Amino acid sequence: MTAVLDSARLTATALRAATAAGDELLRRRGAPHSVRTKEGDALVSDADLAAEHGALAVLRAETPDFAVVSEETSPDWPDDGRPTWIVDPLDGTTNYLRGLPDYAVALALVVAGRTELSLILLPEYGTVFRAAAGAGAFRDEARLHIPERPPGRPLAGTGFGTEGVVREQQRSVADRLLRGGFEIREPGSASTGLCRVASGAYDGYLEFGIGVWDTVPGALLVSEAGGTVTGWGGEVFTPRDGHLVAASHAVHRELTEAGGPCPPVAEWGGPA
């Protein structure tokens, strides 16, 4: 990063923003929620919006000259060249509303097309994952190194969206993974799944049809922990394409092959 962009200071800013969002989510946990369905049949709740408000208040106060891409209120990417925060105030809304603990607050900072830092907070666990380009990845204060391939079947995380055509493609991916010998987990939060790859709990994570706020923070975390991150089919990872394959070096090629063509092709038919 340039001298103007202080990585340590900006990571501290990201932590304060994520903590503001996470505290709001924990405060509202279990309370009645106002929920609506947005484009693509995804849910958005008052908790998403309150968490986003808390995070953006910190970012705008401490980095007023930076742009922001945030899932709920400012999803469009700016073209003015400013450093840009990417914010997902609540990744895993359905989990959160159902009382499940696997949800996250995720942030990343992109400068001149390069992700310079990321931070993912898991509020229910009180755990912070963070990474800076060229400086490694950490879970709290422990440095992360993706381990060698463990014994048994490889374990892959994936996700299932809410939009019908995407669900059909994602179901095809699940079929291919099972036929390719993978065990599958569906965390309900891409950020949570990518944290698990970086810490070695999953051998890999792949998903199609998701946003930059779902992929960018966790992608840097996995790569800085020693993993491989590409787009679908092994293409160069391009956040706005909406897909990624992130895995240990030992499993990445196998997972990419099991994921199939880009875009995935629905093979089995029937309702999603």
C-alpha atoms as a PDB file:
ATOM      1  CA  MET A   1       0.000   0.000   0.000  1.00  0.00           C
ATOM      2  CA  THR A   2       1.126   3.586  -0.490  1.00  0.00           C
ATOM      3  CA  ALA A   3       2.264   5.752   2.396  1.00  0.00           C
ATOM      4  CA  VAL A   4      -1.096   7.534   2.292  1.00  0.00           C
ATOM      5  CA  LEU A   5      -2.958   4.271   2.880  1.00  0.00           C
ATOM      6  CA  ASP A   6      -1.864   2.993   6.283  1.00  0.00           C
ATOM      7  CA  SER A   7      -2.760  -0.704   6.439  1.00  0.00           C
ATOM      8  CA  ALA A   8      -2.742  -0.942  10.239  1.00  0.00           C
ATOM      9  CA  ARG A   9      -4.896   2.159  10.646  1.00  0.00           C
ATOM     10  CA  LEU A  10      -7.360   1.046   7.995  1.00  0.00           C
ATOM     11  CA  THR A  11      -7.609  -2.449   9.459  1.00  0.00           C
ATOM     12  CA  ALA A  12      -8.451  -0.820  12.791  1.00  0.00           C
ATOM     13  CA  THR A  13     -11.115   1.233  11.004  1.00  0.00           C
ATOM     14  CA  ALA A  14     -12.530  -1.930   9.434  1.00  0.00           C
ATOM     15  CA  LEU A  15     -12.636  -3.588  12.846  1.00  0.00           C
ATOM     16  CA  ARG A  16     -14.508  -0.662  14.371  1.00  0.00           C
ATOM     17  CA  ALA A  17     -16.989  -0.682  11.500  1.00  0.00           C
ATOM     18  CA  ALA A  18     -17.521  -4.442  11.732  1.00  0.00           C
ATOM     19  CA  THR A  19     -17.883  -4.249  15.511  1.00  0.00           C
ATOM     20  CA  ALA A  20     -20.516  -1.520  15.201  1.00  0.00           C
ATOM     21  CA  ALA A  21     -22.472  -3.753  12.816  1.00  0.00           C
ATOM     22  CA  GLY A  22     -21.951  -6.882  14.884  1.00  0.00           C
ATOM     23  CA  ASP A  23     -23.039  -5.195  18.124  1.00  0.00           C
ATOM     24  CA  GLU A  24     -26.230  -4.053  16.422  1.00  0.00           C
ATOM     25  CA  LEU A  25     -26.930  -7.583  15.194  1.00  0.00           C
ATOM     26  CA  LEU A  26     -26.357  -9.091  18.629  1.00  0.00           C
ATOM     27  CA  ARG A  27     -28.531  -6.432  20.263  1.00  0.00           C
ATOM     28  CA  ARG A  28     -31.412  -7.261  17.930  1.00  0.00           C
ATOM     29  CA  ARG A  29     -30.942 -11.039  18.148  1.00  0.00           C
ATOM     30  CA  GLY A  30     -34.218 -12.834  18.863  1.00  0.00           C
ATOM     31  CA  ALA A  31     -36.360  -9.686  18.609  1.00  0.00           C
ATOM     32  CA  PRO A  32     -39.230  -9.404  16.116  1.00  0.00           C
ATOM     33  CA  HIS A  33     -37.956  -8.246  12.732  1.00  0.00           C
ATOM     34  CA  SER A  34     -39.346  -6.380   9.771  1.00  0.00           C
ATOM     35  CA  VAL A  35     -38.441  -8.466   6.712  1.00  0.00           C
ATOM     36  CA  ARG A  36     -39.009  -7.927   3.011  1.00  0.00           C
ATOM     37  CA  THR A  37     -38.006  -9.717  -0.166  1.00  0.00           C
ATOM     38  CA  LYS A  38     -35.740  -7.845  -2.561  1.00  0.00           C
ATOM     39  CA  GLU A  39     -34.713  -8.509  -6.158  1.00  0.00           C
ATOM     40  CA  GLY A  40     -33.678 -12.141  -6.673  1.00  0.00           C
ATOM     41  CA  ASP A  41     -35.966 -13.327  -3.834  1.00  0.00           C
ATOM     42  CA  ALA A  42     -33.334 -12.630  -1.171  1.00  0.00           C
ATOM     43  CA  LEU A  43     -34.436 -11.478   2.268  1.00  0.00           C
ATOM     44  CA  VAL A  44     -33.473  -8.170   3.826  1.00  0.00           C
ATOM     45  CA  SER A  45     -34.398  -7.270   7.378  1.00  0.00           C
ATOM     46  CA  ASP A  46     -34.312  -4.261   9.636  1.00  0.00           C
ATOM     47  CA  ALA A  47     -31.257  -5.876  11.233  1.00  0.00           C
ATOM     48  CA  ASP A  48     -29.372  -5.843   7.893  1.00  0.00           C
ATOM     49  CA  LEU A  49     -30.134  -2.149   7.479  1.00  0.00           C
ATOM     50  CA  ALA A  50     -29.274  -1.213  11.069  1.00  0.00           C
ATOM     51  CA  ALA A  51     -25.990  -3.109  10.904  1.00  0.00           C
ATOM     52  CA  GLU A  52     -25.147  -1.440   7.605  1.00  0.00           C
ATOM     53  CA  HIS A  53     -25.928   1.983   9.058  1.00  0.00           C
ATOM     54  CA  GLY A  54     -23.558   1.336  11.975  1.00  0.00           C
ATOM     55  CA  ALA A  55     -20.714   0.146   9.757  1.00  0.00           C
ATOM     56  CA  LEU A  56     -21.059   2.952   7.220  1.00  0.00           C
ATOM     57  CA  ALA A  57     -21.158   5.612   9.920  1.00  0.00           C
ATOM     58  CA  VAL A  58     -17.696   4.525  11.055  1.00  0.00           C
ATOM     59  CA  LEU A  59     -16.274   4.258   7.539  1.00  0.00           C
ATOM     60  CA  ARG A  60     -17.609   7.648   6.442  1.00  0.00           C
ATOM     61  CA  ALA A  61     -16.367   9.349   9.599  1.00  0.00           C
ATOM     62  CA  GLU A  62     -12.859   7.869   9.439  1.00  0.00           C
ATOM     63  CA  THR A  63     -12.332   7.632   5.659  1.00  0.00           C
ATOM     64  CA  PRO A  64     -14.548  10.354   4.183  1.00  0.00           C
ATOM     65  CA  ASP A  65     -12.707  10.416   0.849  1.00  0.00           C
ATOM     66  CA  PHE A  66     -13.221   6.699   0.165  1.00  0.00           C
ATOM     67  CA  ALA A  67     -16.070   5.238  -1.867  1.00  0.00           C
ATOM     68  CA  VAL A  68     -18.337   2.520  -0.479  1.00  0.00           C
ATOM     69  CA  VAL A  69     -19.996  -0.464  -2.132  1.00  0.00           C
ATOM     70  CA  SER A  70     -22.486  -1.904   0.339  1.00  0.00           C
ATOM     71  CA  GLU A  71     -25.044  -4.621  -0.306  1.00  0.00           C
ATOM     72  CA  GLU A  72     -28.197  -2.912   0.858  1.00  0.00           C
ATOM     73  CA  THR A  73     -27.880   0.822   0.130  1.00  0.00           C
ATOM     74  CA  SER A  74     -24.999   1.381  -2.327  1.00  0.00           C
ATOM     75  CA  PRO A  75     -24.438  -1.770  -4.418  1.00  0.00           C
ATOM     76  CA  ASP A  76     -23.076  -0.055  -7.545  1.00  0.00           C
ATOM     77  CA  TRP A  77     -19.322   0.024  -8.113  1.00  0.00           C
ATOM     78  CA  PRO A  78     -17.931   3.590  -8.485  1.00  0.00           C
ATOM     79  CA  ASP A  79     -15.785   4.438 -11.496  1.00  0.00           C
ATOM     80  CA  ASP A  80     -13.938   7.433 -10.073  1.00  0.00           C
ATOM     81  CA  GLY A  81     -10.772   5.610  -8.989  1.00  0.00           C
ATOM     82  CA  ARG A  82     -11.139   6.220  -5.262  1.00  0.00           C
ATOM     83  CA  PRO A  83     -10.173   3.562  -2.710  1.00  0.00           C
ATOM     84  CA  THR A  84     -13.380   1.596  -2.171  1.00  0.00           C
ATOM     85  CA  TRP A  85     -14.753  -0.187   0.850  1.00  0.00           C
ATOM     86  CA  ILE A  86     -16.840  -3.276   0.141  1.00  0.00           C
ATOM     87  CA  VAL A  87     -19.312  -4.006   2.933  1.00  0.00           C
ATOM     88  CA  ASP A  88     -21.646  -6.874   3.692  1.00  0.00           C
ATOM     89  CA  PRO A  89     -23.337  -5.903   6.963  1.00  0.00           C
ATOM     90  CA  LEU A  90     -25.016  -9.290   7.395  1.00  0.00           C
ATOM     91  CA  ASP A  91     -23.892 -12.240   5.298  1.00  0.00           C
ATOM     92  CA  GLY A  92     -26.297 -15.004   6.242  1.00  0.00           C
ATOM     93  CA  THR A  93     -29.587 -13.195   6.818  1.00  0.00           C
ATOM     94  CA  THR A  94     -31.669 -16.379   6.820  1.00  0.00           C
ATOM     95  CA  ASN A  95     -29.352 -17.977   9.393  1.00  0.00           C
ATOM     96  CA  TYR A  96     -29.601 -14.877  11.548  1.00  0.00           C
ATOM     97  CA  LEU A  97     -33.392 -14.711  11.376  1.00  0.00           C
ATOM     98  CA  ARG A  98     -33.690 -18.436  12.144  1.00  0.00           C
ATOM     99  CA  GLY A  99     -31.450 -18.249  15.201  1.00  0.00           C
ATOM    100  CA  LEU A 100     -28.484 -20.010  13.603  1.00  0.00           C
ATOM    101  CA  PRO A 101     -25.007 -18.741  14.527  1.00  0.00           C
ATOM    102  CA  ASP A 102     -23.357 -18.858  11.088  1.00  0.00           C
ATOM    103  CA  TYR A 103     -23.560 -15.284   9.881  1.00  0.00           C
ATOM    104  CA  ALA A 104     -20.880 -12.661   9.360  1.00  0.00           C
ATOM    105  CA  VAL A 105     -20.024  -9.010   8.914  1.00  0.00           C
ATOM    106  CA  ALA A 106     -17.532  -8.721   6.048  1.00  0.00           C
ATOM    107  CA  LEU A 107     -15.460  -5.797   4.779  1.00  0.00           C
ATOM    108  CA  ALA A 108     -12.673  -5.318   2.262  1.00  0.00           C
ATOM    109  CA  LEU A 109     -10.744  -2.371   0.876  1.00  0.00           C
ATOM    110  CA  VAL A 110      -9.988  -2.271  -2.854  1.00  0.00           C
ATOM    111  CA  VAL A 111      -7.424   0.187  -4.220  1.00  0.00           C
ATOM    112  CA  ALA A 112      -6.759   0.501  -7.969  1.00  0.00           C
ATOM    113  CA  GLY A 113      -8.422  -2.850  -8.581  1.00  0.00           C
ATOM    114  CA  ARG A 114      -6.435  -4.731  -5.927  1.00  0.00           C
ATOM    115  CA  THR A 115      -7.846  -5.946  -2.632  1.00  0.00           C
ATOM    116  CA  GLU A 116      -5.531  -4.506   0.000  1.00  0.00           C
ATOM    117  CA  LEU A 117      -7.166  -5.729   3.190  1.00  0.00           C
ATOM    118  CA  SER A 118     -10.194  -7.597   4.449  1.00  0.00           C
ATOM    119  CA  LEU A 119     -11.857  -8.319   7.753  1.00  0.00           C
ATOM    120  CA  ILE A 120     -14.639 -10.749   8.620  1.00  0.00           C
ATOM    121  CA  LEU A 121     -16.306 -10.732  12.021  1.00  0.00           C
ATOM    122  CA  LEU A 122     -18.357 -13.713  13.226  1.00  0.00           C
ATOM    123  CA  PRO A 123     -20.451 -12.006  15.912  1.00  0.00           C
ATOM    124  CA  GLU A 124     -21.825 -15.135  17.598  1.00  0.00           C
ATOM    125  CA  TYR A 125     -18.330 -16.537  18.105  1.00  0.00           C
ATOM    126  CA  GLY A 126     -16.579 -13.242  18.826  1.00  0.00           C
ATOM    127  CA  THR A 127     -13.978 -14.208  16.221  1.00  0.00           C
ATOM    128  CA  VAL A 128     -12.220 -11.872  13.801  1.00  0.00           C
ATOM    129  CA  PHE A 129     -10.554 -13.040  10.597  1.00  0.00           C
ATOM    130  CA  ARG A 130      -8.368 -10.495   8.825  1.00  0.00           C
ATOM    131  CA  ALA A 131      -5.863 -10.298   6.006  1.00  0.00           C
ATOM    132  CA  ALA A 132      -3.664  -7.709   4.309  1.00  0.00           C
ATOM    133  CA  ALA A 133      -2.162  -8.123   0.870  1.00  0.00           C
ATOM    134  CA  GLY A 134       1.316  -9.596   1.200  1.00  0.00           C
ATOM    135  CA  ALA A 135       1.148  -9.676   4.996  1.00  0.00           C
ATOM    136  CA  GLY A 136      -0.732 -12.895   5.743  1.00  0.00           C
ATOM    137  CA  ALA A 137      -4.073 -13.909   7.216  1.00  0.00           C
ATOM    138  CA  PHE A 138      -5.058 -14.192  10.871  1.00  0.00           C
ATOM    139  CA  ARG A 139      -7.829 -15.552  13.079  1.00  0.00           C
ATOM    140  CA  ASP A 140      -7.749 -13.185  16.029  1.00  0.00           C
ATOM    141  CA  GLU A 141      -3.980 -13.086  16.655  1.00  0.00           C
ATOM    142  CA  ALA A 142      -3.128 -16.545  15.270  1.00  0.00           C
ATOM    143  CA  ARG A 143      -1.589 -16.619  11.804  1.00  0.00           C
ATOM    144  CA  LEU A 144      -3.422 -18.888   9.385  1.00  0.00           C
ATOM    145  CA  HIS A 145      -1.750 -21.490   7.172  1.00  0.00           C
ATOM    146  CA  ILE A 146      -4.028 -23.815   5.226  1.00  0.00           C
ATOM    147  CA  PRO A 147      -2.920 -27.342   6.200  1.00  0.00           C
ATOM    148  CA  GLU A 148      -2.012 -30.245   3.978  1.00  0.00           C
ATOM    149  CA  ARG A 149      -4.909 -32.318   2.731  1.00  0.00           C
ATOM    150  CA  PRO A 150      -6.400 -34.274   5.645  1.00  0.00           C
ATOM    151  CA  PRO A 151      -7.330 -37.947   5.377  1.00  0.00           C
ATOM    152  CA  GLY A 152     -10.700 -39.056   4.025  1.00  0.00           C
ATOM    153  CA  ARG A 153     -12.937 -37.467   1.433  1.00  0.00           C
ATOM    154  CA  PRO A 154     -12.289 -33.802   0.670  1.00  0.00           C
ATOM    155  CA  LEU A 155     -14.802 -31.443   2.266  1.00  0.00           C
ATOM    156  CA  ALA A 156     -16.194 -28.575   0.198  1.00  0.00           C
ATOM    157  CA  GLY A 157     -18.518 -25.785   1.168  1.00  0.00           C
ATOM    158  CA  THR A 158     -20.975 -24.278  -1.274  1.00  0.00           C
ATOM    159  CA  GLY A 159     -24.099 -22.147  -1.243  1.00  0.00           C
ATOM    160  CA  PHE A 160     -27.579 -22.070  -2.696  1.00  0.00           C
ATOM    161  CA  GLY A 161     -29.142 -18.791  -3.757  1.00  0.00           C
ATOM    162  CA  THR A 162     -32.751 -17.756  -3.770  1.00  0.00           C
ATOM    163  CA  GLU A 163     -33.297 -17.008  -7.456  1.00  0.00           C
ATOM    164  CA  GLY A 164     -34.765 -19.913  -9.431  1.00  0.00           C
ATOM    165  CA  VAL A 165     -32.349 -20.095 -12.378  1.00  0.00           C
ATOM    166  CA  VAL A 166     -29.334 -19.763 -10.088  1.00  0.00           C
ATOM    167  CA  ARG A 167     -30.666 -22.452  -7.751  1.00  0.00           C
ATOM    168  CA  GLU A 168     -30.981 -24.831 -10.664  1.00  0.00           C
ATOM    169  CA  GLN A 169     -27.339 -24.237 -11.585  1.00  0.00           C
ATOM    170  CA  GLN A 170     -26.233 -24.589  -7.981  1.00  0.00           C
ATOM    171  CA  ARG A 171     -28.108 -27.857  -7.584  1.00  0.00           C
ATOM    172  CA  SER A 172     -26.209 -29.172 -10.581  1.00  0.00           C
ATOM    173  CA  VAL A 173     -22.954 -28.191  -8.867  1.00  0.00           C
ATOM    174  CA  ALA A 174     -23.950 -30.114  -5.740  1.00  0.00           C
ATOM    175  CA  ASP A 175     -24.664 -33.188  -7.866  1.00  0.00           C
ATOM    176  CA  ARG A 176     -21.250 -32.910  -9.513  1.00  0.00           C
ATOM    177  CA  LEU A 177     -19.464 -32.508  -6.177  1.00  0.00           C
ATOM    178  CA  LEU A 178     -21.107 -35.608  -4.751  1.00  0.00           C
ATOM    179  CA  ARG A 179     -20.287 -37.627  -7.855  1.00  0.00           C
ATOM    180  CA  GLY A 180     -16.728 -36.283  -7.666  1.00  0.00           C
ATOM    181  CA  GLY A 181     -16.246 -37.762  -4.200  1.00  0.00           C
ATOM    182  CA  PHE A 182     -16.622 -34.588  -2.128  1.00  0.00           C
ATOM    183  CA  GLU A 183     -18.417 -34.215   1.154  1.00  0.00           C
ATOM    184  CA  ILE A 184     -20.543 -31.040   1.103  1.00  0.00           C
ATOM    185  CA  ARG A 185     -21.428 -28.438   3.703  1.00  0.00           C
ATOM    186  CA  GLU A 186     -23.722 -25.439   3.130  1.00  0.00           C
ATOM    187  CA  PRO A 187     -22.919 -22.769   5.731  1.00  0.00           C
ATOM    188  CA  GLY A 188     -25.536 -20.295   4.489  1.00  0.00           C
ATOM    189  CA  SER A 189     -22.894 -17.552   4.401  1.00  0.00           C
ATOM    190  CA  ALA A 190     -20.111 -17.372   1.818  1.00  0.00           C
ATOM    191  CA  SER A 191     -17.923 -15.325   4.161  1.00  0.00           C
ATOM    192  CA  THR A 192     -18.264 -17.985   6.857  1.00  0.00           C
ATOM    193  CA  GLY A 193     -17.410 -20.702   4.351  1.00  0.00           C
ATOM    194  CA  LEU A 194     -14.307 -18.876   3.160  1.00  0.00           C
ATOM    195  CA  CYS A 195     -13.162 -18.356   6.754  1.00  0.00           C
ATOM    196  CA  ARG A 196     -13.405 -22.123   7.166  1.00  0.00           C
ATOM    197  CA  VAL A 197     -11.220 -22.688   4.114  1.00  0.00           C
ATOM    198  CA  ALA A 198      -8.603 -20.266   5.434  1.00  0.00           C
ATOM    199  CA  SER A 199      -8.566 -22.046   8.799  1.00  0.00           C
ATOM    200  CA  GLY A 200      -8.506 -25.558   7.312  1.00  0.00           C
ATOM    201  CA  ALA A 201     -11.987 -26.682   8.377  1.00  0.00           C
ATOM    202  CA  TYR A 202     -13.047 -26.942   4.715  1.00  0.00           C
ATOM    203  CA  ASP A 203     -10.742 -28.010   1.906  1.00  0.00           C
ATOM    204  CA  GLY A 204     -12.465 -25.573  -0.416  1.00  0.00           C
ATOM    205  CA  TYR A 205     -15.471 -23.402  -1.102  1.00  0.00           C
ATOM    206  CA  LEU A 206     -17.162 -22.608  -4.404  1.00  0.00           C
ATOM    207  CA  GLU A 207     -20.272 -20.681  -5.296  1.00  0.00           C
ATOM    208  CA  PHE A 208     -21.911 -19.143  -8.338  1.00  0.00           C
ATOM    209  CA  GLY A 209     -24.290 -16.187  -8.646  1.00  0.00           C
ATOM    210  CA  ILE A 210     -23.151 -14.092  -5.680  1.00  0.00           C
ATOM    211  CA  GLY A 211     -22.065 -10.485  -5.120  1.00  0.00           C
ATOM    212  CA  VAL A 212     -18.692  -8.812  -4.649  1.00  0.00           C
ATOM    213  CA  TRP A 213     -19.446  -8.415  -0.931  1.00  0.00           C
ATOM    214  CA  ASP A 214     -19.810 -12.210  -0.715  1.00  0.00           C
ATOM    215  CA  THR A 215     -16.490 -13.004  -2.410  1.00  0.00           C
ATOM    216  CA  VAL A 216     -13.903 -10.256  -2.048  1.00  0.00           C
ATOM    217  CA  PRO A 217     -13.272 -10.259   1.733  1.00  0.00           C
ATOM    218  CA  GLY A 218     -12.949 -14.047   1.983  1.00  0.00           C
ATOM    219  CA  ALA A 219     -10.967 -14.386  -1.238  1.00  0.00           C
ATOM    220  CA  LEU A 220      -8.088 -12.324   0.158  1.00  0.00           C
ATOM    221  CA  LEU A 221      -8.258 -14.262   3.420  1.00  0.00           C
ATOM    222  CA  VAL A 222      -7.881 -17.610   1.626  1.00  0.00           C
ATOM    223  CA  SER A 223      -5.081 -16.464  -0.672  1.00  0.00           C
ATOM    224  CA  GLU A 224      -3.114 -14.912   2.202  1.00  0.00           C
ATOM    225  CA  ALA A 225      -3.535 -18.134   4.194  1.00  0.00           C
ATOM    226  CA  GLY A 226      -1.795 -19.999   1.365  1.00  0.00           C
ATOM    227  CA  GLY A 227      -4.755 -21.159  -0.702  1.00  0.00           C
ATOM    228  CA  THR A 228      -5.690 -20.752  -4.348  1.00  0.00           C
ATOM    229  CA  VAL A 229      -8.536 -18.515  -5.485  1.00  0.00           C
ATOM    230  CA  THR A 230      -9.840 -18.455  -9.052  1.00  0.00           C
ATOM    231  CA  GLY A 231     -13.023 -17.842 -10.917  1.00  0.00           C
ATOM    232  CA  TRP A 232     -15.179 -20.738 -12.025  1.00  0.00           C
ATOM    233  CA  GLY A 233     -13.384 -23.266 -14.196  1.00  0.00           C
ATOM    234  CA  GLY A 234      -9.980 -21.956 -13.119  1.00  0.00           C
ATOM    235  CA  GLU A 235     -10.416 -18.554 -14.761  1.00  0.00           C
ATOM    236  CA  VAL A 236      -8.836 -15.490 -13.186  1.00  0.00           C
ATOM    237  CA  PHE A 237     -10.896 -14.402 -10.190  1.00  0.00           C
ATOM    238  CA  THR A 238     -12.838 -11.279 -11.165  1.00  0.00           C
ATOM    239  CA  PRO A 239     -15.142 -10.196  -8.320  1.00  0.00           C
ATOM    240  CA  ARG A 240     -17.864  -8.705 -10.484  1.00  0.00           C
ATOM    241  CA  ASP A 241     -18.267 -12.000 -12.368  1.00  0.00           C
ATOM    242  CA  GLY A 242     -20.091 -13.343  -9.303  1.00  0.00           C
ATOM    243  CA  HIS A 243     -18.317 -16.673  -8.806  1.00  0.00           C
ATOM    244  CA  LEU A 244     -15.209 -18.175  -7.241  1.00  0.00           C
ATOM    245  CA  VAL A 245     -13.415 -21.395  -6.376  1.00  0.00           C
ATOM    246  CA  ALA A 246     -11.249 -21.061  -3.256  1.00  0.00           C
ATOM    247  CA  ALA A 247      -9.336 -24.043  -1.918  1.00  0.00           C
ATOM    248  CA  SER A 248      -6.092 -25.476  -0.641  1.00  0.00           C
ATOM    249  CA  HIS A 249      -3.485 -26.008  -3.342  1.00  0.00           C
ATOM    250  CA  ALA A 250      -3.917 -29.767  -2.948  1.00  0.00           C
ATOM    251  CA  VAL A 251      -7.627 -29.721  -3.697  1.00  0.00           C
ATOM    252  CA  HIS A 252      -8.176 -26.716  -5.950  1.00  0.00           C
ATOM    253  CA  ARG A 253      -7.787 -28.466  -9.299  1.00  0.00           C
ATOM    254  CA  GLU A 254      -9.990 -31.358  -8.199  1.00  0.00           C
ATOM    255  CA  LEU A 255     -12.638 -28.953  -6.902  1.00  0.00           C
ATOM    256  CA  THR A 256     -12.521 -26.866 -10.086  1.00  0.00           C
ATOM    257  CA  GLU A 257     -13.028 -29.950 -12.230  1.00  0.00           C
ATOM    258  CA  ALA A 258     -15.913 -31.125 -10.036  1.00  0.00           C
ATOM    259  CA  GLY A 259     -17.526 -27.672 -10.279  1.00  0.00           C
ATOM    260  CA  GLY A 260     -17.912 -28.129 -14.013  1.00  0.00           C
ATOM    261  CA  PRO A 261     -18.400 -25.613 -16.821  1.00  0.00           C
ATOM    262  CA  CYS A 262     -18.947 -21.892 -16.453  1.00  0.00           C
ATOM    263  CA  PRO A 263     -21.740 -21.098 -16.024  1.00  0.00           C
ATOM    264  CA  PRO A 264     -22.909 -24.336 -14.423  1.00  0.00           C
ATOM    265  CA  VAL A 265     -25.414 -26.244 -16.510  1.00  0.00           C
ATOM    266  CA  ALA A 266     -28.518 -27.667 -14.842  1.00  0.00           C
ATOM    267  CA  GLU A 267     -28.351 -31.389 -15.560  1.00  0.00           C
ATOM    268  CA  TRP A 268     -31.188 -33.031 -13.684  1.00  0.00           C
ATOM    269  CA  GLY A 269     -34.207 -30.806 -14.371  1.00  0.00           C
ATOM    270  CA  GLY A 270     -37.253 -30.493 -12.138  1.00  0.00           C
ATOM    271  CA  PRO A 271     -38.111 -27.752  -9.642  1.00  0.00           C
ATOM    272  CA  ALA A 272     -35.263 -26.117  -7.742  1.00  0.00           C
END
